[in-house]
PDB file of N, CA and C in Angstrom:
ATOM      1  N   MET A   1     105.682  85.281 102.469  1.00  0.00           N
ATOM      2  CA  MET A   1     104.959  84.138 103.002  1.00  0.00           C
ATOM      3  C   MET A   1     104.481  83.272 101.840  1.00  0.00           C
ATOM      4  N   GLU A   2     104.804  81.995 101.893  1.00  0.00           N
ATOM      5  CA  GLU A   2     104.435  81.047 100.838  1.00  0.00           C
ATOM      6  C   GLU A   2     103.063  80.445 101.154  1.00  0.00           C
ATOM      7  N   ILE A   3     102.081  80.699 100.312  1.00  0.00           N
ATOM      8  CA  ILE A   3     100.728  80.195 100.566  1.00  0.00           C
ATOM      9  C   ILE A   3     100.301  79.134  99.566  1.00  0.00           C
ATOM     10  N   SER A   4     101.181  78.757  98.636  1.00  0.00           N
ATOM     11  CA  SER A   4     100.783  77.795  97.613  1.00  0.00           C
ATOM     12  C   SER A   4     100.459  76.430  98.211  1.00  0.00           C
ATOM     13  N   GLY A   5     101.126  76.050  99.308  1.00  0.00           N
ATOM     14  CA  GLY A   5     100.817  74.781  99.967  1.00  0.00           C
ATOM     15  C   GLY A   5      99.417  74.769 100.548  1.00  0.00           C
ATOM     16  N   TYR A   6      99.027  75.897 101.157  1.00  0.00           N
ATOM     17  CA  TYR A   6      97.676  76.001 101.712  1.00  0.00           C
ATOM     18  C   TYR A   6      96.620  75.991 100.613  1.00  0.00           C
ATOM     19  N   ILE A   7      96.935  76.641  99.511  1.00  0.00           N
ATOM     20  CA  ILE A   7      96.003  76.653  98.379  1.00  0.00           C
ATOM     21  C   ILE A   7      95.841  75.244  97.821  1.00  0.00           C
ATOM     22  N   LEU A   8      96.943  74.496  97.748  1.00  0.00           N
ATOM     23  CA  LEU A   8      96.875  73.112  97.275  1.00  0.00           C
ATOM     24  C   LEU A   8      95.993  72.265  98.185  1.00  0.00           C
ATOM     25  N   LEU A   9      96.128  72.439  99.501  1.00  0.00           N
ATOM     26  CA  LEU A   9      95.302  71.678 100.442  1.00  0.00           C
ATOM     27  C   LEU A   9      93.830  72.053 100.315  1.00  0.00           C
ATOM     28  N   LEU A  10      93.550  73.336 100.162  1.00  0.00           N
ATOM     29  CA  LEU A  10      92.165  73.789 100.004  1.00  0.00           C
ATOM     30  C   LEU A  10      91.555  73.261  98.714  1.00  0.00           C
ATOM     31  N   ILE A  11      92.314  73.325  97.632  1.00  0.00           N
ATOM     32  CA  ILE A  11      91.816  72.827  96.346  1.00  0.00           C
ATOM     33  C   ILE A  11      91.598  71.317  96.396  1.00  0.00           C
ATOM     34  N   THR A  12      92.481  70.600  97.101  1.00  0.00           N
ATOM     35  CA  THR A  12      92.313  69.148  97.235  1.00  0.00           C
ATOM     36  C   THR A  12      91.033  68.822  97.981  1.00  0.00           C
ATOM     37  N   PHE A  13      90.760  69.544  99.069  1.00  0.00           N
ATOM     38  CA  PHE A  13      89.538  69.316  99.838  1.00  0.00           C
ATOM     39  C   PHE A  13      88.302  69.621  99.004  1.00  0.00           C
ATOM     40  N   ILE A  14      88.315  70.745  98.293  1.00  0.00           N
ATOM     41  CA  ILE A  14      87.171  71.117  97.444  1.00  0.00           C
ATOM     42  C   ILE A  14      86.995  70.107  96.317  1.00  0.00           C
ATOM     43  N   ASP A  15      88.098  69.617  95.771  1.00  0.00           N
ATOM     44  CA  ASP A  15      88.033  68.602  94.719  1.00  0.00           C
ATOM     45  C   ASP A  15      87.379  67.324  95.241  1.00  0.00           C
ATOM     46  N   GLY A  16      87.728  66.926  96.458  1.00  0.00           N
ATOM     47  CA  GLY A  16      87.087  65.765  97.070  1.00  0.00           C
ATOM     48  C   GLY A  16      85.593  65.967  97.262  1.00  0.00           C
ATOM     49  N   LEU A  17      85.220  67.183  97.696  1.00  0.00           N
ATOM     50  CA  LEU A  17      83.791  67.481  97.844  1.00  0.00           C
ATOM     51  C   LEU A  17      83.050  67.351  96.516  1.00  0.00           C
ATOM     52  N   LEU A  18      83.635  67.905  95.462  1.00  0.00           N
ATOM     53  CA  LEU A  18      82.975  67.864  94.157  1.00  0.00           C
ATOM     54  C   LEU A  18      82.911  66.443  93.608  1.00  0.00           C
ATOM     55  N   PHE A  19      83.982  65.660  93.796  1.00  0.00           N
ATOM     56  CA  PHE A  19      83.942  64.269  93.364  1.00  0.00           C
ATOM     57  C   PHE A  19      82.873  63.489  94.137  1.00  0.00           C
ATOM     58  N   GLY A  20      82.766  63.727  95.441  1.00  0.00           N
ATOM     59  CA  GLY A  20      81.742  63.049  96.236  1.00  0.00           C
ATOM     60  C   GLY A  20      80.345  63.381  95.771  1.00  0.00           C
ATOM     61  N   LEU A  21      80.116  64.655  95.490  1.00  0.00           N
ATOM     62  CA  LEU A  21      78.813  65.079  94.979  1.00  0.00           C
ATOM     63  C   LEU A  21      78.526  64.431  93.632  1.00  0.00           C
ATOM     64  N   ALA A  22      79.526  64.415  92.763  1.00  0.00           N
ATOM     65  CA  ALA A  22      79.342  63.819  91.436  1.00  0.00           C
ATOM     66  C   ALA A  22      79.086  62.320  91.530  1.00  0.00           C
ATOM     67  N   ILE A  23      79.784  61.641  92.443  1.00  0.00           N
ATOM     68  CA  ILE A  23      79.583  60.204  92.596  1.00  0.00           C
ATOM     69  C   ILE A  23      78.167  59.913  93.082  1.00  0.00           C
ATOM     70  N   LYS A  24      77.706  60.674  94.076  1.00  0.00           N
ATOM     71  CA  LYS A  24      76.352  60.439  94.584  1.00  0.00           C
ATOM     72  C   LYS A  24      75.304  60.710  93.509  1.00  0.00           C
ATOM     73  N   LYS A  25      75.451  61.804  92.797  1.00  0.00           N
ATOM     74  CA  LYS A  25      74.497  62.116  91.730  1.00  0.00           C
ATOM     75  C   LYS A  25      74.616  61.101  90.590  1.00  0.00           C
ATOM     76  N   GLY A  26      75.829  60.623  90.325  1.00  0.00           N
ATOM     77  CA  GLY A  26      76.027  59.619  89.279  1.00  0.00           C
ATOM     78  C   GLY A  26      75.355  58.303  89.616  1.00  0.00           C
ATOM     79  N   ILE A  27      75.420  57.905  90.890  1.00  0.00           N
ATOM     80  CA  ILE A  27      74.771  56.657  91.305  1.00  0.00           C
ATOM     81  C   ILE A  27      73.259  56.779  91.146  1.00  0.00           C
ATOM     82  N   VAL A  28      72.708  57.922  91.561  1.00  0.00           N
ATOM     83  CA  VAL A  28      71.268  58.143  91.403  1.00  0.00           C
ATOM     84  C   VAL A  28      70.895  58.132  89.919  1.00  0.00           C
ATOM     85  N   SER A  29      71.704  58.760  89.084  1.00  0.00           N
ATOM     86  CA  SER A  29      71.450  58.782  87.640  1.00  0.00           C
ATOM     87  C   SER A  29      71.506  57.387  87.043  1.00  0.00           C
ATOM     88  N   ALA A  30      72.480  56.593  87.469  1.00  0.00           N
ATOM     89  CA  ALA A  30      72.613  55.233  86.941  1.00  0.00           C
ATOM     90  C   ALA A  30      71.396  54.382  87.307  1.00  0.00           C
ATOM     91  N   VAL A  31      70.936  54.510  88.533  1.00  0.00           N
ATOM     92  CA  VAL A  31      69.754  53.742  88.949  1.00  0.00           C
ATOM     93  C   VAL A  31      68.536  54.176  88.144  1.00  0.00           C
ATOM     94  N   LEU A  32      68.348  55.481  87.979  1.00  0.00           N
ATOM     95  CA  LEU A  32      67.211  55.964  87.194  1.00  0.00           C
ATOM     96  C   LEU A  32      67.324  55.571  85.729  1.00  0.00           C
ATOM     97  N   LEU A  33      68.551  55.535  85.200  1.00  0.00           N
ATOM     98  CA  LEU A  33      68.762  55.117  83.814  1.00  0.00           C
ATOM     99  C   LEU A  33      68.418  53.645  83.633  1.00  0.00           C
ATOM    100  N   ILE A  34      68.796  52.807  84.571  1.00  0.00           N
ATOM    101  CA  ILE A  34      68.449  51.382  84.501  1.00  0.00           C
ATOM    102  C   ILE A  34      66.941  51.199  84.551  1.00  0.00           C
ATOM    103  N   ILE A  35      66.275  51.935  85.437  1.00  0.00           N
ATOM    104  CA  ILE A  35      64.811  51.854  85.510  1.00  0.00           C
ATOM    105  C   ILE A  35      64.186  52.305  84.196  1.00  0.00           C
ATOM    106  N   ALA A  36      64.730  53.368  83.595  1.00  0.00           N
ATOM    107  CA  ALA A  36      64.200  53.859  82.318  1.00  0.00           C
ATOM    108  C   ALA A  36      64.389  52.823  81.213  1.00  0.00           C
ATOM    109  N   PHE A  37      65.550  52.156  81.170  1.00  0.00           N
ATOM    110  CA  PHE A  37      65.782  51.133  80.153  1.00  0.00           C
ATOM    111  C   PHE A  37      64.863  49.924  80.341  1.00  0.00           C
ATOM    112  N   VAL A  38      64.616  49.553  81.591  1.00  0.00           N
ATOM    113  CA  VAL A  38      63.699  48.428  81.848  1.00  0.00           C
ATOM    114  C   VAL A  38      62.292  48.796  81.400  1.00  0.00           C
ATOM    115  N   LEU A  39      61.840  50.002  81.738  1.00  0.00           N
ATOM    116  CA  LEU A  39      60.500  50.427  81.321  1.00  0.00           C
ATOM    117  C   LEU A  39      60.406  50.558  79.803  1.00  0.00           C
ATOM    118  N   ALA A  40      61.469  51.056  79.169  1.00  0.00           N
ATOM    119  CA  ALA A  40      61.463  51.197  77.711  1.00  0.00           C
ATOM    120  C   ALA A  40      61.437  49.838  77.029  1.00  0.00           C
ATOM    121  N   SER A  41      62.181  48.880  77.554  1.00  0.00           N
ATOM    122  CA  SER A  41      62.161  47.548  76.945  1.00  0.00           C
ATOM    123  C   SER A  41      60.804  46.872  77.163  1.00  0.00           C
ATOM    124  N   TYR A  42      60.168  47.143  78.285  1.00  0.00           N
ATOM    125  CA  TYR A  42      58.831  46.596  78.536  1.00  0.00           C
ATOM    126  C   TYR A  42      57.825  47.180  77.549  1.00  0.00           C
ATOM    127  N   ALA A  43      58.014  48.466  77.211  1.00  0.00           N
ATOM    128  CA  ALA A  43      57.106  49.119  76.266  1.00  0.00           C
ATOM    129  C   ALA A  43      57.460  48.810  74.817  1.00  0.00           C
ATOM    130  N   GLY A  44      58.575  48.122  74.579  1.00  0.00           N
ATOM    131  CA  GLY A  44      58.955  47.749  73.230  1.00  0.00           C
ATOM    132  C   GLY A  44      59.877  48.747  72.555  1.00  0.00           C
ATOM    133  N   LEU A  45      60.409  49.685  73.293  1.00  0.00           N
ATOM    134  CA  LEU A  45      61.324  50.678  72.742  1.00  0.00           C
ATOM    135  C   LEU A  45      62.763  50.242  72.995  1.00  0.00           C
ATOM    136  N   SER A  46      63.669  50.638  72.118  1.00  0.00           N
ATOM    137  CA  SER A  46      65.076  50.293  72.298  1.00  0.00           C
ATOM    138  C   SER A  46      65.917  51.556  72.134  1.00  0.00           C
ATOM    139  N   PHE A  47      66.597  51.948  73.206  1.00  0.00           N
ATOM    140  CA  PHE A  47      67.435  53.136  73.177  1.00  0.00           C
ATOM    141  C   PHE A  47      68.922  52.795  73.217  1.00  0.00           C
ATOM    142  N   ILE A  48      69.254  51.549  73.434  1.00  0.00           N
ATOM    143  CA  ILE A  48      70.654  51.157  73.557  1.00  0.00           C
ATOM    144  C   ILE A  48      71.211  50.876  72.166  1.00  0.00           C
ATOM    145  N   PRO A  49      72.255  51.620  71.747  1.00  0.00           N
ATOM    146  CA  PRO A  49      72.855  51.334  70.438  1.00  0.00           C
ATOM    147  C   PRO A  49      73.626  50.018  70.492  1.00  0.00           C
ATOM    148  N   LYS A  50      74.007  49.544  69.338  1.00  0.00           N
ATOM    149  CA  LYS A  50      74.709  48.257  69.271  1.00  0.00           C
ATOM    150  C   LYS A  50      76.183  48.470  69.592  1.00  0.00           C
ATOM    151  N   ILE A  51      76.488  48.382  70.879  1.00  0.00           N
ATOM    152  CA  ILE A  51      77.862  48.518  71.363  1.00  0.00           C
ATOM    153  C   ILE A  51      78.247  47.188  71.982  1.00  0.00           C
ATOM    154  N   SER A  52      79.364  46.650  71.541  1.00  0.00           N
ATOM    155  CA  SER A  52      79.804  45.378  72.101  1.00  0.00           C
ATOM    156  C   SER A  52      80.721  45.622  73.293  1.00  0.00           C
ATOM    157  N   PHE A  53      80.638  44.720  74.250  1.00  0.00           N
ATOM    158  CA  PHE A  53      81.475  44.831  75.436  1.00  0.00           C
ATOM    159  C   PHE A  53      82.946  44.669  75.079  1.00  0.00           C
ATOM    160  N   SER A  54      83.247  43.807  74.125  1.00  0.00           N
ATOM    161  CA  SER A  54      84.649  43.589  73.750  1.00  0.00           C
ATOM    162  C   SER A  54      85.261  44.834  73.110  1.00  0.00           C
ATOM    163  N   LYS A  55      84.461  45.581  72.336  1.00  0.00           N
ATOM    164  CA  LYS A  55      84.963  46.807  71.716  1.00  0.00           C
ATOM    165  C   LYS A  55      85.266  47.864  72.777  1.00  0.00           C
ATOM    166  N   VAL A  56      84.375  48.009  73.746  1.00  0.00           N
ATOM    167  CA  VAL A  56      84.580  48.980  74.816  1.00  0.00           C
ATOM    168  C   VAL A  56      85.780  48.588  75.674  1.00  0.00           C
ATOM    169  N   SER A  57      85.881  47.305  76.030  1.00  0.00           N
ATOM    170  CA  SER A  57      86.989  46.874  76.884  1.00  0.00           C
ATOM    171  C   SER A  57      88.329  46.996  76.166  1.00  0.00           C
ATOM    172  N   SER A  58      88.376  46.713  74.867  1.00  0.00           N
ATOM    173  CA  SER A  58      89.638  46.866  74.142  1.00  0.00           C
ATOM    174  C   SER A  58      90.048  48.339  74.060  1.00  0.00           C
ATOM    175  N   TYR A  59      89.084  49.238  73.923  1.00  0.00           N
ATOM    176  CA  TYR A  59      89.391  50.667  73.913  1.00  0.00           C
ATOM    177  C   TYR A  59      89.944  51.111  75.267  1.00  0.00           C
ATOM    178  N   VAL A  60      89.332  50.635  76.357  1.00  0.00           N
ATOM    179  CA  VAL A  60      89.782  51.012  77.695  1.00  0.00           C
ATOM    180  C   VAL A  60      91.193  50.486  77.956  1.00  0.00           C
ATOM    181  N   VAL A  61      91.459  49.240  77.586  1.00  0.00           N
ATOM    182  CA  VAL A  61      92.789  48.660  77.789  1.00  0.00           C
ATOM    183  C   VAL A  61      93.832  49.415  76.968  1.00  0.00           C
ATOM    184  N   LYS A  62      93.494  49.762  75.743  1.00  0.00           N
ATOM    185  CA  LYS A  62      94.427  50.508  74.893  1.00  0.00           C
ATOM    186  C   LYS A  62      94.711  51.890  75.478  1.00  0.00           C
ATOM    187  N   PHE A  63      93.678  52.561  75.976  1.00  0.00           N
ATOM    188  CA  PHE A  63      93.850  53.883  76.572  1.00  0.00           C
ATOM    189  C   PHE A  63      94.730  53.822  77.815  1.00  0.00           C
ATOM    190  N   ILE A  64      94.478  52.841  78.676  1.00  0.00           N
ATOM    191  CA  ILE A  64      95.275  52.701  79.903  1.00  0.00           C
ATOM    192  C   ILE A  64      96.721  52.361  79.574  1.00  0.00           C
ATOM    193  N   SER A  65      96.951  51.441  78.645  1.00  0.00           N
ATOM    194  CA  SER A  65      98.323  51.058  78.310  1.00  0.00           C
ATOM    195  C   SER A  65      99.094  52.201  77.644  1.00  0.00           C
ATOM    196  N   ASN A  66      98.411  53.071  76.921  1.00  0.00           N
ATOM    197  CA  ASN A  66      99.081  54.214  76.292  1.00  0.00           C
ATOM    198  C   ASN A  66      99.416  55.315  77.289  1.00  0.00           C
ATOM    199  N   ASN A  67      98.645  55.430  78.384  1.00  0.00           N
ATOM    200  CA  ASN A  67      98.811  56.551  79.303  1.00  0.00           C
ATOM    201  C   ASN A  67      99.352  56.182  80.670  1.00  0.00           C
ATOM    202  N   ILE A  68      99.621  54.915  80.943  1.00  0.00           N
ATOM    203  CA  ILE A  68     100.060  54.522  82.281  1.00  0.00           C
ATOM    204  C   ILE A  68     101.445  55.056  82.613  1.00  0.00           C
ATOM    205  N   ASP A  69     102.292  55.251  81.615  1.00  0.00           N
ATOM    206  CA  ASP A  69     103.646  55.734  81.888  1.00  0.00           C
ATOM    207  C   ASP A  69     103.667  57.216  82.268  1.00  0.00           C
ATOM    208  N   LYS A  70     102.582  57.944  82.059  1.00  0.00           N
ATOM    209  CA  LYS A  70     102.507  59.352  82.430  1.00  0.00           C
ATOM    210  C   LYS A  70     102.090  59.552  83.881  1.00  0.00           C
ATOM    211  N   ALA A  71     101.599  58.520  84.546  1.00  0.00           N
ATOM    212  CA  ALA A  71     101.050  58.645  85.898  1.00  0.00           C
ATOM    213  C   ALA A  71     102.061  59.097  86.943  1.00  0.00           C
ATOM    214  N   PRO A  72     103.308  58.580  86.984  1.00  0.00           N
ATOM    215  CA  PRO A  72     104.226  59.050  88.039  1.00  0.00           C
ATOM    216  C   PRO A  72     104.563  60.534  87.947  1.00  0.00           C
ATOM    217  N   GLY A  73     104.535  61.125  86.798  1.00  0.00           N
ATOM    218  CA  GLY A  73     104.832  62.543  86.647  1.00  0.00           C
ATOM    219  C   GLY A  73     103.715  63.453  87.117  1.00  0.00           C
ATOM    220  N   LEU A  74     102.524  62.914  87.325  1.00  0.00           N
ATOM    221  CA  LEU A  74     101.399  63.741  87.749  1.00  0.00           C
ATOM    222  C   LEU A  74     101.526  64.183  89.198  1.00  0.00           C
ATOM    223  N   VAL A  75     102.162  63.360  90.023  1.00  0.00           N
ATOM    224  CA  VAL A  75     102.325  63.680  91.437  1.00  0.00           C
ATOM    225  C   VAL A  75     103.730  64.226  91.630  1.00  0.00           C
ATOM    226  N   SER A  76     103.848  65.540  91.787  1.00  0.00           N
ATOM    227  CA  SER A  76     105.164  66.151  91.916  1.00  0.00           C
ATOM    228  C   SER A  76     105.579  66.336  93.366  1.00  0.00           C
ATOM    229  N   LEU A  77     104.748  65.908  94.306  1.00  0.00           N
ATOM    230  CA  LEU A  77     105.101  66.040  95.720  1.00  0.00           C
ATOM    231  C   LEU A  77     106.067  64.931  96.096  1.00  0.00           C
ATOM    232  N   GLY A  78     107.166  65.300  96.667  1.00  0.00           N
ATOM    233  CA  GLY A  78     108.191  64.316  96.971  1.00  0.00           C
ATOM    234  C   GLY A  78     108.084  63.713  98.349  1.00  0.00           C
ATOM    235  N   HIS A  79     107.475  64.377  99.278  1.00  0.00           N
ATOM    236  CA  HIS A  79     107.444  63.902 100.659  1.00  0.00           C
ATOM    237  C   HIS A  79     106.208  63.046 100.909  1.00  0.00           C
ATOM    238  N   VAL A  80     106.429  61.963 101.627  1.00  0.00           N
ATOM    239  CA  VAL A  80     105.332  61.039 101.926  1.00  0.00           C
ATOM    240  C   VAL A  80     104.274  61.726 102.776  1.00  0.00           C
ATOM    241  N   GLY A  81     104.675  62.598 103.690  1.00  0.00           N
ATOM    242  CA  GLY A  81     103.715  63.313 104.530  1.00  0.00           C
ATOM    243  C   GLY A  81     102.813  64.223 103.733  1.00  0.00           C
ATOM    244  N   ALA A  82     103.370  64.879 102.716  1.00  0.00           N
ATOM    245  CA  ALA A  82     102.559  65.769 101.886  1.00  0.00           C
ATOM    246  C   ALA A  82     101.536  64.977 101.085  1.00  0.00           C
ATOM    247  N   ILE A  83     101.984  63.851 100.555  1.00  0.00           N
ATOM    248  CA  ILE A  83     101.051  63.003  99.793  1.00  0.00           C
ATOM    249  C   ILE A  83      99.968  62.462 100.716  1.00  0.00           C
ATOM    250  N   THR A  84     100.346  62.106 101.937  1.00  0.00           N
ATOM    251  CA  THR A  84      99.373  61.572 102.889  1.00  0.00           C
ATOM    252  C   THR A  84      98.335  62.619 103.256  1.00  0.00           C
ATOM    253  N   ILE A  85      98.755  63.846 103.548  1.00  0.00           N
ATOM    254  CA  ILE A  85      97.797  64.879 103.932  1.00  0.00           C
ATOM    255  C   ILE A  85      96.881  65.237 102.776  1.00  0.00           C
ATOM    256  N   VAL A  86      97.406  65.259 101.564  1.00  0.00           N
ATOM    257  CA  VAL A  86      96.576  65.533 100.400  1.00  0.00           C
ATOM    258  C   VAL A  86      95.557  64.415 100.210  1.00  0.00           C
ATOM    259  N   THR A  87      95.995  63.171 100.369  1.00  0.00           N
ATOM    260  CA  THR A  87      95.082  62.030 100.228  1.00  0.00           C
ATOM    261  C   THR A  87      94.006  62.046 101.303  1.00  0.00           C
ATOM    262  N   VAL A  88      94.402  62.331 102.544  1.00  0.00           N
ATOM    263  CA  VAL A  88      93.438  62.364 103.639  1.00  0.00           C
ATOM    264  C   VAL A  88      92.422  63.481 103.428  1.00  0.00           C
ATOM    265  N   LEU A  89      92.885  64.666 103.040  1.00  0.00           N
ATOM    266  CA  LEU A  89      91.947  65.761 102.787  1.00  0.00           C
ATOM    267  C   LEU A  89      91.001  65.443 101.630  1.00  0.00           C
ATOM    268  N   PHE A  90      91.534  64.803 100.592  1.00  0.00           N
ATOM    269  CA  PHE A  90      90.679  64.425  99.472  1.00  0.00           C
ATOM    270  C   PHE A  90      89.611  63.429  99.931  1.00  0.00           C
ATOM    271  N   LEU A  91      90.016  62.421 100.711  1.00  0.00           N
ATOM    272  CA  LEU A  91      89.059  61.413 101.172  1.00  0.00           C
ATOM    273  C   LEU A  91      88.031  62.004 102.132  1.00  0.00           C
ATOM    274  N   ILE A  92      88.440  62.948 102.967  1.00  0.00           N
ATOM    275  CA  ILE A  92      87.474  63.626 103.843  1.00  0.00           C
ATOM    276  C   ILE A  92      86.474  64.417 103.005  1.00  0.00           C
ATOM    277  N   GLY A  93      86.975  65.158 102.035  1.00  0.00           N
ATOM    278  CA  GLY A  93      86.071  65.894 101.142  1.00  0.00           C
ATOM    279  C   GLY A  93      85.158  64.972 100.367  1.00  0.00           C
ATOM    280  N   LEU A  94      85.708  63.843  99.915  1.00  0.00           N
ATOM    281  CA  LEU A  94      84.902  62.862  99.183  1.00  0.00           C
ATOM    282  C   LEU A  94      83.790  62.310 100.065  1.00  0.00           C
ATOM    283  N   GLY A  95      84.131  61.974 101.302  1.00  0.00           N
ATOM    284  CA  GLY A  95      83.115  61.456 102.226  1.00  0.00           C
ATOM    285  C   GLY A  95      82.029  62.458 102.516  1.00  0.00           C
ATOM    286  N   ILE A  96      82.412  63.712 102.749  1.00  0.00           N
ATOM    287  CA  ILE A  96      81.421  64.752 103.011  1.00  0.00           C
ATOM    288  C   ILE A  96      80.561  65.002 101.781  1.00  0.00           C
ATOM    289  N   GLY A  97      81.190  64.968 100.603  1.00  0.00           N
ATOM    290  CA  GLY A  97      80.414  65.180  99.375  1.00  0.00           C
ATOM    291  C   GLY A  97      79.392  64.088  99.134  1.00  0.00           C
ATOM    292  N   ILE A  98      79.777  62.827  99.395  1.00  0.00           N
ATOM    293  CA  ILE A  98      78.829  61.722  99.228  1.00  0.00           C
ATOM    294  C   ILE A  98      77.744  61.788 100.289  1.00  0.00           C
ATOM    295  N   TRP A  99      78.126  62.121 101.527  1.00  0.00           N
ATOM    296  CA  TRP A  99      77.180  62.143 102.640  1.00  0.00           C
ATOM    297  C   TRP A  99      76.175  63.279 102.499  1.00  0.00           C
ATOM    298  N   LYS A 100      76.640  64.471 102.170  1.00  0.00           N
ATOM    299  CA  LYS A 100      75.763  65.648 102.109  1.00  0.00           C
ATOM    300  C   LYS A 100      75.208  65.907 100.707  1.00  0.00           C
ATOM    301  N   GLY A 101      75.754  65.225  99.694  1.00  0.00           N
ATOM    302  CA  GLY A 101      75.327  65.483  98.321  1.00  0.00           C
ATOM    303  C   GLY A 101      73.963  65.027  98.097  1.00  0.00           C
TER     304      GLY A 101
END
Protein backbone atom coordinates (compact mmCIF):
# COMPACT_ATOMS: atom_id res chain seq x y z
CA MET A 1 0.00 0.00 0.00
CA GLU A 2 1.43 3.36 -1.08
CA ILE A 3 0.95 5.98 1.64
CA SER A 4 3.37 8.67 0.46
CA GLY A 5 0.53 10.59 -1.23
CA TYR A 6 -1.43 10.71 2.01
CA ILE A 7 1.66 11.81 3.91
CA LEU A 8 2.20 14.60 1.36
CA LEU A 9 -1.39 15.80 1.83
CA LEU A 10 -1.07 15.72 5.63
CA ILE A 11 2.24 17.58 5.56
CA THR A 12 0.77 20.18 3.19
CA PHE A 13 -2.16 20.79 5.54
CA ILE A 14 0.12 21.05 8.59
CA ASP A 15 2.43 23.38 6.65
CA GLY A 16 -0.53 25.64 5.88
CA LEU A 17 -1.48 25.66 9.56
CA LEU A 18 2.03 26.65 10.59
CA PHE A 19 2.28 29.35 7.93
CA GLY A 20 -1.08 30.76 9.05
CA LEU A 21 0.05 30.84 12.66
CA ALA A 22 3.33 32.48 11.69
CA ILE A 23 1.57 35.09 9.55
CA LYS A 24 -0.83 36.02 12.35
CA LYS A 25 1.96 36.24 14.92
CA GLY A 26 4.11 38.15 12.40
CA ILE A 27 1.39 40.75 11.85
CA VAL A 28 1.02 41.24 15.61
CA SER A 29 4.82 41.53 15.93
CA ALA A 30 5.01 44.07 13.12
CA VAL A 31 2.33 46.25 14.70
CA LEU A 32 4.05 46.09 18.09
CA LEU A 33 7.41 46.85 16.46
CA ILE A 34 5.99 49.95 14.75
CA ILE A 35 4.53 51.12 18.06
CA ALA A 36 7.90 50.53 19.75
CA PHE A 37 9.74 52.54 17.06
CA VAL A 38 7.26 55.42 17.36
CA LEU A 39 7.64 55.47 21.15
CA ALA A 40 11.43 55.23 20.87
CA SER A 41 11.60 58.11 18.40
CA TYR A 42 9.35 60.17 20.69
CA ALA A 43 11.75 59.48 23.56
CA GLY A 44 14.73 60.44 21.38
CA LEU A 45 16.13 56.94 20.91
CA SER A 46 17.08 55.50 17.53
CA PHE A 47 17.14 51.74 16.97
CA ILE A 48 16.91 51.69 13.18
CA PRO A 49 20.31 51.20 11.51
CA LYS A 50 21.16 53.13 8.37
CA ILE A 51 19.68 50.83 5.74
CA SER A 52 18.69 52.30 2.42
CA PHE A 53 15.61 51.11 0.58
CA SER A 54 17.52 50.97 -2.71
CA LYS A 55 20.14 48.63 -1.22
CA VAL A 56 17.49 46.26 0.12
CA SER A 57 15.47 46.31 -3.11
CA SER A 58 18.55 45.66 -5.27
CA TYR A 59 19.44 42.68 -3.07
CA VAL A 60 15.90 41.28 -3.36
CA VAL A 61 15.85 41.72 -7.16
CA LYS A 62 19.26 40.06 -7.48
CA PHE A 63 18.18 37.13 -5.29
CA ILE A 64 14.95 36.60 -7.25
CA SER A 65 16.67 36.84 -10.64
CA ASN A 66 19.34 34.32 -9.57
CA ASN A 67 16.82 31.78 -8.23
CA ILE A 68 13.75 32.12 -10.47
CA ASP A 69 14.92 29.42 -12.88
CA LYS A 70 14.90 26.85 -10.04
CA ALA A 71 11.17 27.32 -9.30
CA PRO A 72 9.67 24.88 -11.88
CA GLY A 73 11.78 22.01 -10.52
CA LEU A 74 10.39 22.46 -7.02
CA VAL A 75 6.95 21.15 -7.98
CA SER A 76 7.40 17.56 -9.13
CA LEU A 77 3.68 16.76 -9.28
CA GLY A 78 2.63 16.35 -12.86
CA HIS A 79 -1.14 16.18 -12.58
CA VAL A 80 -3.24 19.30 -12.32
CA GLY A 81 -5.59 17.58 -9.86
CA ALA A 82 -2.75 16.76 -7.49
CA ILE A 83 -1.48 20.32 -7.57
CA THR A 84 -5.02 21.59 -7.00
CA ILE A 85 -5.65 19.37 -3.97
CA VAL A 86 -2.30 20.30 -2.45
CA THR A 87 -3.03 24.00 -3.00
CA VAL A 88 -6.53 23.71 -1.56
CA LEU A 89 -5.31 21.83 1.52
CA PHE A 90 -2.54 24.38 2.03
CA LEU A 91 -5.01 27.28 1.78
CA ILE A 92 -7.44 25.58 4.18
CA GLY A 93 -4.62 25.05 6.66
CA LEU A 94 -3.47 28.63 6.15
CA GLY A 95 -6.97 29.95 6.82
CA ILE A 96 -7.38 27.86 9.96
CA GLY A 97 -3.94 28.89 11.18
CA ILE A 98 -4.69 32.59 10.73
CA TRP A 99 -8.18 32.24 12.23
CA LYS A 100 -7.24 30.15 15.28
CA GLY A 101 -3.66 31.43 15.71
